[in-house]
Amino acid sequence: MTLNVTITFLPSGRSATVRAGTTVLEAARRAGVPIRTRCDGKAACLMCKVTAPNSSSGLSPLNDNERHKLAGLDRSGTRLACQARVFGRTVVEVPEDPLRAAVRKQMMRQAEEDELW
């Protein structure tokens, strides 16, 4: 019997039902939630940081590699999506892509300038 679990991604609100033990990164891909990565899940690039509010008990405990890479950030609920595995219903927050954030901020500035004219 395979146990399926649900993970929800914020701020999009998208969810995926996956097999227990699936990485957060793979679950995000299945849900269509983009999480940046260059190392394809080998914990080398550290780009796939997500936040697990309330120290989400639905995720696997930190492994030694993840703990070493995060160097204390885990205390704030930060996890590496390529290393954290889903074992129970959980919610994770995915930060906005930096390029998208820069474009959004520029568009907001432009809109403010347009209002002045």
PDB file of N, CA and C in Angstrom:
ATOM      1  N   MET A   1       0.843  -1.177   0.000  1.00  0.00           N
ATOM      2  CA  MET A   1       0.000   0.000   0.000  1.00  0.00           C
ATOM      3  C   MET A   1       0.888   1.240   0.000  1.00  0.00           C
ATOM      4  N   THR A   2       0.630   2.132  -0.946  1.00  0.00           N
ATOM      5  CA  THR A   2       1.404   3.359  -1.053  1.00  0.00           C
ATOM      6  C   THR A   2       0.647   4.487  -0.374  1.00  0.00           C
ATOM      7  N   LEU A   3       1.345   5.217   0.458  1.00  0.00           N
ATOM      8  CA  LEU A   3       0.739   6.338   1.160  1.00  0.00           C
ATOM      9  C   LEU A   3       0.933   7.600   0.332  1.00  0.00           C
ATOM     10  N   ASN A   4      -0.157   8.270   0.014  1.00  0.00           N
ATOM     11  CA  ASN A   4      -0.103   9.532  -0.701  1.00  0.00           C
ATOM     12  C   ASN A   4      -0.332  10.666   0.279  1.00  0.00           C
ATOM     13  N   VAL A   5       0.381  11.767   0.070  1.00  0.00           N
ATOM     14  CA  VAL A   5       0.278  12.933   0.938  1.00  0.00           C
ATOM     15  C   VAL A   5       0.093  14.174   0.079  1.00  0.00           C
ATOM     16  N   THR A   6      -0.471  15.208   0.678  1.00  0.00           N
ATOM     17  CA  THR A   6      -0.724  16.456  -0.044  1.00  0.00           C
ATOM     18  C   THR A   6       0.187  17.547   0.477  1.00  0.00           C
ATOM     19  N   ILE A   7       0.767  18.291  -0.465  1.00  0.00           N
ATOM     20  CA  ILE A   7       1.593  19.441  -0.139  1.00  0.00           C
ATOM     21  C   ILE A   7       1.000  20.645  -0.861  1.00  0.00           C
ATOM     22  N   THR A   8       0.929  21.760  -0.156  1.00  0.00           N
ATOM     23  CA  THR A   8       0.399  22.997  -0.719  1.00  0.00           C
ATOM     24  C   THR A   8       1.511  24.027  -0.771  1.00  0.00           C
ATOM     25  N   PHE A   9       1.571  24.739  -1.879  1.00  0.00           N
ATOM     26  CA  PHE A   9       2.602  25.748  -2.095  1.00  0.00           C
ATOM     27  C   PHE A   9       1.996  27.133  -2.025  1.00  0.00           C
ATOM     28  N   LEU A  10       2.613  27.990  -1.213  1.00  0.00           N
ATOM     29  CA  LEU A  10       2.179  29.377  -1.109  1.00  0.00           C
ATOM     30  C   LEU A  10       3.218  30.253  -1.802  1.00  0.00           C
ATOM     31  N   PRO A  11       2.889  31.360  -2.367  1.00  0.00           N
ATOM     32  CA  PRO A  11       1.596  32.025  -2.306  1.00  0.00           C
ATOM     33  C   PRO A  11       0.612  31.571  -3.375  1.00  0.00           C
ATOM     34  N   SER A  12       1.014  30.662  -4.271  1.00  0.00           N
ATOM     35  CA  SER A  12       0.141  30.281  -5.389  1.00  0.00           C
ATOM     36  C   SER A  12      -1.105  29.523  -4.944  1.00  0.00           C
ATOM     37  N   GLY A  13      -1.006  28.783  -3.838  1.00  0.00           N
ATOM     38  CA  GLY A  13      -2.132  27.970  -3.387  1.00  0.00           C
ATOM     39  C   GLY A  13      -2.246  26.645  -4.123  1.00  0.00           C
ATOM     40  N   ARG A  14      -1.332  26.379  -5.025  1.00  0.00           N
ATOM     41  CA  ARG A  14      -1.373  25.112  -5.755  1.00  0.00           C
ATOM     42  C   ARG A  14      -0.982  23.962  -4.839  1.00  0.00           C
ATOM     43  N   SER A  15      -1.564  22.809  -5.109  1.00  0.00           N
ATOM     44  CA  SER A  15      -1.292  21.620  -4.302  1.00  0.00           C
ATOM     45  C   SER A  15      -0.931  20.456  -5.205  1.00  0.00           C
ATOM     46  N   ALA A  16      -0.272  19.484  -4.625  1.00  0.00           N
ATOM     47  CA  ALA A  16       0.031  18.238  -5.322  1.00  0.00           C
ATOM     48  C   ALA A  16      -0.146  17.098  -4.335  1.00  0.00           C
ATOM     49  N   THR A  17      -0.669  16.000  -4.819  1.00  0.00           N
ATOM     50  CA  THR A  17      -0.735  14.781  -4.027  1.00  0.00           C
ATOM     51  C   THR A  17       0.337  13.867  -4.583  1.00  0.00           C
ATOM     52  N   VAL A  18       1.268  13.488  -3.711  1.00  0.00           N
ATOM     53  CA  VAL A  18       2.437  12.723  -4.132  1.00  0.00           C
ATOM     54  C   VAL A  18       2.651  11.549  -3.189  1.00  0.00           C
ATOM     55  N   ARG A  19       3.492  10.638  -3.606  1.00  0.00           N
ATOM     56  CA  ARG A  19       3.862   9.523  -2.723  1.00  0.00           C
ATOM     57  C   ARG A  19       4.683  10.042  -1.562  1.00  0.00           C
ATOM     58  N   ALA A  20       4.465   9.510  -0.400  1.00  0.00           N
ATOM     59  CA  ALA A  20       5.277   9.867   0.768  1.00  0.00           C
ATOM     60  C   ALA A  20       6.732   9.599   0.431  1.00  0.00           C
ATOM     61  N   GLY A  21       7.601  10.560   0.782  1.00  0.00           N
ATOM     62  CA  GLY A  21       9.015  10.425   0.501  1.00  0.00           C
ATOM     63  C   GLY A  21       9.470  11.188  -0.722  1.00  0.00           C
ATOM     64  N   THR A  22       8.524  11.779  -1.459  1.00  0.00           N
ATOM     65  CA  THR A  22       8.849  12.606  -2.619  1.00  0.00           C
ATOM     66  C   THR A  22       9.485  13.901  -2.139  1.00  0.00           C
ATOM     67  N   THR A  23      10.484  14.399  -2.860  1.00  0.00           N
ATOM     68  CA  THR A  23      11.086  15.663  -2.461  1.00  0.00           C
ATOM     69  C   THR A  23      10.119  16.814  -2.728  1.00  0.00           C
ATOM     70  N   VAL A  24      10.290  17.880  -1.984  1.00  0.00           N
ATOM     71  CA  VAL A  24       9.475  19.078  -2.186  1.00  0.00           C
ATOM     72  C   VAL A  24       9.684  19.602  -3.604  1.00  0.00           C
ATOM     73  N   LEU A  25      10.920  19.512  -4.115  1.00  0.00           N
ATOM     74  CA  LEU A  25      11.218  19.976  -5.469  1.00  0.00           C
ATOM     75  C   LEU A  25      10.416  19.204  -6.509  1.00  0.00           C
ATOM     76  N   GLU A  26      10.388  17.901  -6.397  1.00  0.00           N
ATOM     77  CA  GLU A  26       9.618  17.088  -7.348  1.00  0.00           C
ATOM     78  C   GLU A  26       8.123  17.355  -7.200  1.00  0.00           C
ATOM     79  N   ALA A  27       7.643  17.503  -5.982  1.00  0.00           N
ATOM     80  CA  ALA A  27       6.224  17.802  -5.766  1.00  0.00           C
ATOM     81  C   ALA A  27       5.863  19.151  -6.401  1.00  0.00           C
ATOM     82  N   ALA A  28       6.764  20.127  -6.280  1.00  0.00           N
ATOM     83  CA  ALA A  28       6.527  21.443  -6.882  1.00  0.00           C
ATOM     84  C   ALA A  28       6.434  21.326  -8.397  1.00  0.00           C
ATOM     85  N   ARG A  29       7.318  20.558  -8.973  1.00  0.00           N
ATOM     86  CA  ARG A  29       7.281  20.347 -10.431  1.00  0.00           C
ATOM     87  C   ARG A  29       5.955  19.734 -10.849  1.00  0.00           C
ATOM     88  N   ARG A  30       5.484  18.773 -10.101  1.00  0.00           N
ATOM     89  CA  ARG A  30       4.196  18.127 -10.421  1.00  0.00           C
ATOM     90  C   ARG A  30       3.030  19.095 -10.284  1.00  0.00           C
ATOM     91  N   ALA A  31       3.156  20.050  -9.354  1.00  0.00           N
ATOM     92  CA  ALA A  31       2.086  21.031  -9.137  1.00  0.00           C
ATOM     93  C   ALA A  31       2.200  22.220 -10.089  1.00  0.00           C
ATOM     94  N   GLY A  32       3.275  22.264 -10.873  1.00  0.00           N
ATOM     95  CA  GLY A  32       3.481  23.391 -11.769  1.00  0.00           C
ATOM     96  C   GLY A  32       3.953  24.642 -11.056  1.00  0.00           C
ATOM     97  N   VAL A  33       4.630  24.454  -9.925  1.00  0.00           N
ATOM     98  CA  VAL A  33       5.160  25.571  -9.142  1.00  0.00           C
ATOM     99  C   VAL A  33       6.657  25.666  -9.426  1.00  0.00           C
ATOM    100  N   PRO A  34       7.109  26.769 -10.005  1.00  0.00           N
ATOM    101  CA  PRO A  34       8.531  26.868 -10.316  1.00  0.00           C
ATOM    102  C   PRO A  34       9.384  27.134  -9.079  1.00  0.00           C
ATOM    103  N   ILE A  35      10.390  26.312  -8.912  1.00  0.00           N
ATOM    104  CA  ILE A  35      11.407  26.522  -7.876  1.00  0.00           C
ATOM    105  C   ILE A  35      12.745  26.502  -8.600  1.00  0.00           C
ATOM    106  N   ARG A  36      13.505  27.580  -8.412  1.00  0.00           N
ATOM    107  CA  ARG A  36      14.787  27.708  -9.105  1.00  0.00           C
ATOM    108  C   ARG A  36      15.791  26.684  -8.593  1.00  0.00           C
ATOM    109  N   THR A  37      16.555  26.123  -9.527  1.00  0.00           N
ATOM    110  CA  THR A  37      17.636  25.210  -9.189  1.00  0.00           C
ATOM    111  C   THR A  37      18.597  25.131 -10.368  1.00  0.00           C
ATOM    112  N   ARG A  38      19.848  24.931 -10.065  1.00  0.00           N
ATOM    113  CA  ARG A  38      20.853  24.722 -11.112  1.00  0.00           C
ATOM    114  C   ARG A  38      21.476  23.339 -11.008  1.00  0.00           C
ATOM    115  N   CYS A  39      21.439  22.776  -9.833  1.00  0.00           N
ATOM    116  CA  CYS A  39      22.162  21.518  -9.598  1.00  0.00           C
ATOM    117  C   CYS A  39      21.267  20.296  -9.778  1.00  0.00           C
ATOM    118  N   ASP A  40      20.014  20.509 -10.132  1.00  0.00           N
ATOM    119  CA  ASP A  40      19.050  19.429 -10.338  1.00  0.00           C
ATOM    120  C   ASP A  40      18.896  18.524  -9.116  1.00  0.00           C
ATOM    121  N   GLY A  41      18.855  19.151  -7.948  1.00  0.00           N
ATOM    122  CA  GLY A  41      18.529  18.407  -6.739  1.00  0.00           C
ATOM    123  C   GLY A  41      19.687  17.779  -6.001  1.00  0.00           C
ATOM    124  N   LYS A  42      20.880  18.295  -6.162  1.00  0.00           N
ATOM    125  CA  LYS A  42      22.039  17.712  -5.496  1.00  0.00           C
ATOM    126  C   LYS A  42      22.530  18.551  -4.311  1.00  0.00           C
ATOM    127  N   ALA A  43      21.759  19.539  -3.891  1.00  0.00           N
ATOM    128  CA  ALA A  43      22.094  20.410  -2.756  1.00  0.00           C
ATOM    129  C   ALA A  43      23.393  21.166  -2.971  1.00  0.00           C
ATOM    130  N   ALA A  44      23.710  21.489  -4.216  1.00  0.00           N
ATOM    131  CA  ALA A  44      24.961  22.184  -4.505  1.00  0.00           C
ATOM    132  C   ALA A  44      24.761  23.674  -4.750  1.00  0.00           C
ATOM    133  N   CYS A  45      23.625  24.061  -5.343  1.00  0.00           N
ATOM    134  CA  CYS A  45      23.463  25.468  -5.739  1.00  0.00           C
ATOM    135  C   CYS A  45      22.766  26.313  -4.672  1.00  0.00           C
ATOM    136  N   LEU A  46      22.041  25.703  -3.766  1.00  0.00           N
ATOM    137  CA  LEU A  46      21.302  26.371  -2.692  1.00  0.00           C
ATOM    138  C   LEU A  46      20.242  27.350  -3.199  1.00  0.00           C
ATOM    139  N   MET A  47      19.801  27.190  -4.437  1.00  0.00           N
ATOM    140  CA  MET A  47      18.797  28.095  -5.008  1.00  0.00           C
ATOM    141  C   MET A  47      17.371  27.675  -4.663  1.00  0.00           C
ATOM    142  N   CYS A  48      17.176  26.468  -4.214  1.00  0.00           N
ATOM    143  CA  CYS A  48      15.818  25.937  -4.029  1.00  0.00           C
ATOM    144  C   CYS A  48      15.296  26.108  -2.604  1.00  0.00           C
ATOM    145  N   LYS A  49      15.735  27.155  -1.942  1.00  0.00           N
ATOM    146  CA  LYS A  49      15.274  27.380  -0.566  1.00  0.00           C
ATOM    147  C   LYS A  49      13.783  27.688  -0.545  1.00  0.00           C
ATOM    148  N   VAL A  50      13.087  27.046   0.375  1.00  0.00           N
ATOM    149  CA  VAL A  50      11.672  27.306   0.634  1.00  0.00           C
ATOM    150  C   VAL A  50      11.532  27.467   2.148  1.00  0.00           C
ATOM    151  N   THR A  51      10.382  27.951   2.574  1.00  0.00           N
ATOM    152  CA  THR A  51      10.132  28.096   4.003  1.00  0.00           C
ATOM    153  C   THR A  51       8.982  27.188   4.394  1.00  0.00           C
ATOM    154  N   ALA A  52       9.189  26.465   5.459  1.00  0.00           N
ATOM    155  CA  ALA A  52       8.153  25.600   6.004  1.00  0.00           C
ATOM    156  C   ALA A  52       7.634  26.263   7.274  1.00  0.00           C
ATOM    157  N   PRO A  53       6.502  26.978   7.179  1.00  0.00           N
ATOM    158  CA  PRO A  53       5.969  27.666   8.358  1.00  0.00           C
ATOM    159  C   PRO A  53       5.693  26.689   9.500  1.00  0.00           C
ATOM    160  N   ASN A  54       5.881  27.174  10.688  1.00  0.00           N
ATOM    161  CA  ASN A  54       5.587  26.378  11.893  1.00  0.00           C
ATOM    162  C   ASN A  54       6.377  25.079  11.948  1.00  0.00           C
ATOM    163  N   SER A  55       7.587  25.092  11.385  1.00  0.00           N
ATOM    164  CA  SER A  55       8.434  23.884  11.393  1.00  0.00           C
ATOM    165  C   SER A  55       7.618  22.669  10.981  1.00  0.00           C
ATOM    166  N   SER A  56       7.062  22.755   9.821  1.00  0.00           N
ATOM    167  CA  SER A  56       6.125  21.769   9.288  1.00  0.00           C
ATOM    168  C   SER A  56       6.512  20.325   9.616  1.00  0.00           C
ATOM    169  N   SER A  57       5.666  19.660  10.357  1.00  0.00           N
ATOM    170  CA  SER A  57       5.935  18.283  10.763  1.00  0.00           C
ATOM    171  C   SER A  57       5.699  17.298   9.634  1.00  0.00           C
ATOM    172  N   GLY A  58       5.163  17.751   8.518  1.00  0.00           N
ATOM    173  CA  GLY A  58       4.931  16.861   7.383  1.00  0.00           C
ATOM    174  C   GLY A  58       6.175  16.638   6.545  1.00  0.00           C
ATOM    175  N   LEU A  59       7.277  17.294   6.903  1.00  0.00           N
ATOM    176  CA  LEU A  59       8.523  17.137   6.154  1.00  0.00           C
ATOM    177  C   LEU A  59       9.506  16.269   6.930  1.00  0.00           C
ATOM    178  N   SER A  60      10.409  15.678   6.192  1.00  0.00           N
ATOM    179  CA  SER A  60      11.465  14.871   6.811  1.00  0.00           C
ATOM    180  C   SER A  60      12.351  15.764   7.673  1.00  0.00           C
ATOM    181  N   PRO A  61      12.991  15.182   8.679  1.00  0.00           N
ATOM    182  CA  PRO A  61      13.961  15.962   9.447  1.00  0.00           C
ATOM    183  C   PRO A  61      15.121  16.360   8.535  1.00  0.00           C
ATOM    184  N   LEU A  62      15.835  17.413   8.903  1.00  0.00           N
ATOM    185  CA  LEU A  62      17.003  17.824   8.131  1.00  0.00           C
ATOM    186  C   LEU A  62      18.041  16.707   8.133  1.00  0.00           C
ATOM    187  N   ASN A  63      18.599  16.428   6.968  1.00  0.00           N
ATOM    188  CA  ASN A  63      19.715  15.489   6.938  1.00  0.00           C
ATOM    189  C   ASN A  63      20.998  16.288   7.166  1.00  0.00           C
ATOM    190  N   ASP A  64      22.097  15.631   7.389  1.00  0.00           N
ATOM    191  CA  ASP A  64      23.357  16.319   7.709  1.00  0.00           C
ATOM    192  C   ASP A  64      23.784  17.264   6.592  1.00  0.00           C
ATOM    193  N   ASN A  65      23.609  16.842   5.345  1.00  0.00           N
ATOM    194  CA  ASN A  65      23.990  17.668   4.203  1.00  0.00           C
ATOM    195  C   ASN A  65      23.179  18.965   4.176  1.00  0.00           C
ATOM    196  N   GLU A  66      21.883  18.850   4.360  1.00  0.00           N
ATOM    197  CA  GLU A  66      21.018  20.032   4.354  1.00  0.00           C
ATOM    198  C   GLU A  66      21.348  20.952   5.529  1.00  0.00           C
ATOM    199  N   ARG A  67      21.543  20.397   6.699  1.00  0.00           N
ATOM    200  CA  ARG A  67      21.872  21.194   7.884  1.00  0.00           C
ATOM    201  C   ARG A  67      23.176  21.963   7.662  1.00  0.00           C
ATOM    202  N   HIS A  68      24.160  21.300   7.101  1.00  0.00           N
ATOM    203  CA  HIS A  68      25.449  21.939   6.832  1.00  0.00           C
ATOM    204  C   HIS A  68      25.287  23.065   5.800  1.00  0.00           C
ATOM    205  N   LYS A  69      24.562  22.819   4.733  1.00  0.00           N
ATOM    206  CA  LYS A  69      24.390  23.813   3.669  1.00  0.00           C
ATOM    207  C   LYS A  69      23.617  25.037   4.157  1.00  0.00           C
ATOM    208  N   LEU A  70      22.621  24.820   4.998  1.00  0.00           N
ATOM    209  CA  LEU A  70      21.788  25.943   5.463  1.00  0.00           C
ATOM    210  C   LEU A  70      22.464  26.760   6.555  1.00  0.00           C
ATOM    211  N   ALA A  71      23.419  26.194   7.235  1.00  0.00           N
ATOM    212  CA  ALA A  71      24.219  26.902   8.239  1.00  0.00           C
ATOM    213  C   ALA A  71      23.401  27.800   9.159  1.00  0.00           C
ATOM    214  N   GLY A  72      22.399  27.236   9.803  1.00  0.00           N
ATOM    215  CA  GLY A  72      21.611  27.988  10.774  1.00  0.00           C
ATOM    216  C   GLY A  72      20.299  28.544  10.247  1.00  0.00           C
ATOM    217  N   LEU A  73      20.139  28.644   8.928  1.00  0.00           N
ATOM    218  CA  LEU A  73      18.877  29.151   8.377  1.00  0.00           C
ATOM    219  C   LEU A  73      17.702  28.229   8.685  1.00  0.00           C
ATOM    220  N   ASP A  74      17.995  26.976   8.989  1.00  0.00           N
ATOM    221  CA  ASP A  74      16.924  26.023   9.280  1.00  0.00           C
ATOM    222  C   ASP A  74      16.127  26.439  10.505  1.00  0.00           C
ATOM    223  N   ARG A  75      16.732  27.231  11.388  1.00  0.00           N
ATOM    224  CA  ARG A  75      16.005  27.690  12.581  1.00  0.00           C
ATOM    225  C   ARG A  75      14.833  28.580  12.217  1.00  0.00           C
ATOM    226  N   SER A  76      14.898  29.224  11.054  1.00  0.00           N
ATOM    227  CA  SER A  76      13.800  30.098  10.605  1.00  0.00           C
ATOM    228  C   SER A  76      12.802  29.336   9.739  1.00  0.00           C
ATOM    229  N   GLY A  77      12.960  28.022   9.657  1.00  0.00           N
ATOM    230  CA  GLY A  77      12.041  27.212   8.864  1.00  0.00           C
ATOM    231  C   GLY A  77      12.476  27.038   7.422  1.00  0.00           C
ATOM    232  N   THR A  78      13.667  27.521   7.075  1.00  0.00           N
ATOM    233  CA  THR A  78      14.162  27.385   5.708  1.00  0.00           C
ATOM    234  C   THR A  78      14.589  25.951   5.452  1.00  0.00           C
ATOM    235  N   ARG A  79      14.197  25.442   4.306  1.00  0.00           N
ATOM    236  CA  ARG A  79      14.571  24.094   3.882  1.00  0.00           C
ATOM    237  C   ARG A  79      15.025  24.141   2.437  1.00  0.00           C
ATOM    238  N   LEU A  80      15.785  23.133   2.019  1.00  0.00           N
ATOM    239  CA  LEU A  80      16.139  22.971   0.619  1.00  0.00           C
ATOM    240  C   LEU A  80      15.103  22.048  -0.001  1.00  0.00           C
ATOM    241  N   ALA A  81      14.432  22.535  -1.035  1.00  0.00           N
ATOM    242  CA  ALA A  81      13.356  21.755  -1.657  1.00  0.00           C
ATOM    243  C   ALA A  81      13.870  20.444  -2.241  1.00  0.00           C
ATOM    244  N   CYS A  82      15.147  20.413  -2.614  1.00  0.00           N
ATOM    245  CA  CYS A  82      15.699  19.188  -3.197  1.00  0.00           C
ATOM    246  C   CYS A  82      16.032  18.137  -2.144  1.00  0.00           C
ATOM    247  N   GLN A  83      16.103  18.528  -0.881  1.00  0.00           N
ATOM    248  CA  GLN A  83      16.473  17.604   0.188  1.00  0.00           C
ATOM    249  C   GLN A  83      15.305  17.245   1.094  1.00  0.00           C
ATOM    250  N   ALA A  84      14.399  18.186   1.338  1.00  0.00           N
ATOM    251  CA  ALA A  84      13.252  17.938   2.219  1.00  0.00           C
ATOM    252  C   ALA A  84      12.272  16.998   1.526  1.00  0.00           C
ATOM    253  N   ARG A  85      11.833  16.015   2.228  1.00  0.00           N
ATOM    254  CA  ARG A  85      10.872  15.042   1.684  1.00  0.00           C
ATOM    255  C   ARG A  85       9.546  15.164   2.415  1.00  0.00           C
ATOM    256  N   VAL A  86       8.481  14.941   1.670  1.00  0.00           N
ATOM    257  CA  VAL A  86       7.128  15.090   2.186  1.00  0.00           C
ATOM    258  C   VAL A  86       6.654  13.745   2.734  1.00  0.00           C
ATOM    259  N   PHE A  87       6.250  13.744   4.016  1.00  0.00           N
ATOM    260  CA  PHE A  87       5.735  12.519   4.627  1.00  0.00           C
ATOM    261  C   PHE A  87       4.347  12.704   5.219  1.00  0.00           C
ATOM    262  N   GLY A  88       3.845  13.925   5.209  1.00  0.00           N
ATOM    263  CA  GLY A  88       2.508  14.205   5.723  1.00  0.00           C
ATOM    264  C   GLY A  88       2.011  15.503   5.123  1.00  0.00           C
ATOM    265  N   ARG A  89       0.742  15.781   5.328  1.00  0.00           N
ATOM    266  CA  ARG A  89       0.156  17.015   4.795  1.00  0.00           C
ATOM    267  C   ARG A  89       0.988  18.197   5.267  1.00  0.00           C
ATOM    268  N   THR A  90       1.369  19.046   4.336  1.00  0.00           N
ATOM    269  CA  THR A  90       2.220  20.172   4.692  1.00  0.00           C
ATOM    270  C   THR A  90       2.023  21.353   3.754  1.00  0.00           C
ATOM    271  N   VAL A  91       2.514  22.503   4.200  1.00  0.00           N
ATOM    272  CA  VAL A  91       2.458  23.745   3.431  1.00  0.00           C
ATOM    273  C   VAL A  91       3.868  24.326   3.403  1.00  0.00           C
ATOM    274  N   VAL A  92       4.313  24.750   2.221  1.00  0.00           N
ATOM    275  CA  VAL A  92       5.603  25.432   2.119  1.00  0.00           C
ATOM    276  C   VAL A  92       5.422  26.727   1.345  1.00  0.00           C
ATOM    277  N   GLU A  93       6.228  27.709   1.692  1.00  0.00           N
ATOM    278  CA  GLU A  93       6.218  28.996   1.005  1.00  0.00           C
ATOM    279  C   GLU A  93       7.396  29.044   0.046  1.00  0.00           C
ATOM    280  N   VAL A  94       7.102  29.393  -1.202  1.00  0.00           N
ATOM    281  CA  VAL A  94       8.131  29.498  -2.230  1.00  0.00           C
ATOM    282  C   VAL A  94       8.397  30.982  -2.461  1.00  0.00           C
ATOM    283  N   PRO A  95       9.647  31.416  -2.295  1.00  0.00           N
ATOM    284  CA  PRO A  95       9.935  32.832  -2.506  1.00  0.00           C
ATOM    285  C   PRO A  95       9.773  33.215  -3.979  1.00  0.00           C
ATOM    286  N   GLU A  96       9.483  34.481  -4.204  1.00  0.00           N
ATOM    287  CA  GLU A  96       9.333  34.975  -5.565  1.00  0.00           C
ATOM    288  C   GLU A  96      10.679  34.923  -6.278  1.00  0.00           C
ATOM    289  N   ASP A  97      10.662  34.519  -7.527  1.00  0.00           N
ATOM    290  CA  ASP A  97      11.867  34.486  -8.339  1.00  0.00           C
ATOM    291  C   ASP A  97      12.474  35.891  -8.382  1.00  0.00           C
ATOM    292  N   PRO A  98      13.780  36.041  -8.161  1.00  0.00           N
ATOM    293  CA  PRO A  98      14.394  37.375  -8.115  1.00  0.00           C
ATOM    294  C   PRO A  98      14.191  38.186  -9.395  1.00  0.00           C
ATOM    295  N   LEU A  99      14.265  37.563 -10.549  1.00  0.00           N
ATOM    296  CA  LEU A  99      14.053  38.293 -11.795  1.00  0.00           C
ATOM    297  C   LEU A  99      12.614  38.785 -11.885  1.00  0.00           C
ATOM    298  N   ARG A 100      11.681  37.931 -11.542  1.00  0.00           N
ATOM    299  CA  ARG A 100      10.270  38.323 -11.558  1.00  0.00           C
ATOM    300  C   ARG A 100      10.012  39.456 -10.569  1.00  0.00           C
ATOM    301  N   ALA A 101      10.652  39.386  -9.402  1.00  0.00           N
ATOM    302  CA  ALA A 101      10.492  40.442  -8.393  1.00  0.00           C
ATOM    303  C   ALA A 101      11.028  41.765  -8.917  1.00  0.00           C
ATOM    304  N   ALA A 102      12.181  41.732  -9.590  1.00  0.00           N
ATOM    305  CA  ALA A 102      12.763  42.960 -10.135  1.00  0.00           C
ATOM    306  C   ALA A 102      11.859  43.566 -11.205  1.00  0.00           C
ATOM    307  N   VAL A 103      11.311  42.732 -12.070  1.00  0.00           N
ATOM    308  CA  VAL A 103      10.400  43.216 -13.114  1.00  0.00           C
ATOM    309  C   VAL A 103       9.144  43.805 -12.487  1.00  0.00           C
ATOM    310  N   ARG A 104       8.583  43.117 -11.489  1.00  0.00           N
ATOM    311  CA  ARG A 104       7.377  43.611 -10.817  1.00  0.00           C
ATOM    312  C   ARG A 104       7.633  44.969 -10.175  1.00  0.00           C
ATOM    313  N   LYS A 105       8.774  45.114  -9.498  1.00  0.00           N
ATOM    314  CA  LYS A 105       9.098  46.394  -8.854  1.00  0.00           C
ATOM    315  C   LYS A 105       9.254  47.500  -9.892  1.00  0.00           C
ATOM    316  N   GLN A 106       9.907  47.195 -11.004  1.00  0.00           N
ATOM    317  CA  GLN A 106      10.083  48.196 -12.052  1.00  0.00           C
ATOM    318  C   GLN A 106       8.737  48.613 -12.632  1.00  0.00           C
ATOM    319  N   MET A 107       7.854  47.664 -12.829  1.00  0.00           N
ATOM    320  CA  MET A 107       6.528  47.983 -13.367  1.00  0.00           C
ATOM    321  C   MET A 107       5.734  48.843 -12.383  1.00  0.00           C
ATOM    322  N   MET A 108       5.889  48.578 -11.085  1.00  0.00           N
ATOM    323  CA  MET A 108       5.210  49.393 -10.078  1.00  0.00           C
ATOM    324  C   MET A 108       5.750  50.822 -10.091  1.00  0.00           C
ATOM    325  N   ARG A 109       7.068  50.958 -10.218  1.00  0.00           N
ATOM    326  CA  ARG A 109       7.658  52.305 -10.313  1.00  0.00           C
ATOM    327  C   ARG A 109       7.139  53.047 -11.529  1.00  0.00           C
ATOM    328  N   GLN A 110       7.068  52.345 -12.654  1.00  0.00           N
ATOM    329  CA  GLN A 110       6.585  52.950 -13.893  1.00  0.00           C
ATOM    330  C   GLN A 110       5.136  53.387 -13.745  1.00  0.00           C
ATOM    331  N   ALA A 111       4.328  52.560 -13.104  1.00  0.00           N
ATOM    332  CA  ALA A 111       2.921  52.909 -12.895  1.00  0.00           C
ATOM    333  C   ALA A 111       2.803  54.144 -12.012  1.00  0.00           C
ATOM    334  N   GLU A 112       3.640  54.240 -10.975  1.00  0.00           N
ATOM    335  CA  GLU A 112       3.624  55.417 -10.100  1.00  0.00           C
ATOM    336  C   GLU A 112       4.020  56.673 -10.871  1.00  0.00           C
ATOM    337  N   GLU A 113       5.014  56.553 -11.726  1.00  0.00           N
ATOM    338  CA  GLU A 113       5.444  57.705 -12.542  1.00  0.00           C
ATOM    339  C   GLU A 113       4.347  58.116 -13.521  1.00  0.00           C
ATOM    340  N   ASP A 114       3.669  57.138 -14.088  1.00  0.00           N
ATOM    341  CA  ASP A 114       2.583  57.441 -15.026  1.00  0.00           C
ATOM    342  C   ASP A 114       1.450  58.195 -14.346  1.00  0.00           C
ATOM    343  N   GLU A 115       1.202  57.870 -13.076  1.00  0.00           N
ATOM    344  CA  GLU A 115       0.143  58.557 -12.332  1.00  0.00           C
ATOM    345  C   GLU A 115       0.473  60.029 -12.102  1.00  0.00           C
ATOM    346  N   LEU A 116       1.751  60.344 -12.026  1.00  0.00           N
ATOM    347  CA  LEU A 116       2.168  61.729 -11.799  1.00  0.00           C
ATOM    348  C   LEU A 116       1.896  62.606 -13.019  1.00  0.00           C
ATOM    349  N   TRP A 117       1.853  62.033 -14.188  1.00  0.00           N
ATOM    350  CA  TRP A 117       1.630  62.812 -15.414  1.00  0.00           C
ATOM    351  C   TRP A 117       0.172  62.846 -15.663  1.00  0.00           C
TER     352      TRP A 117
END
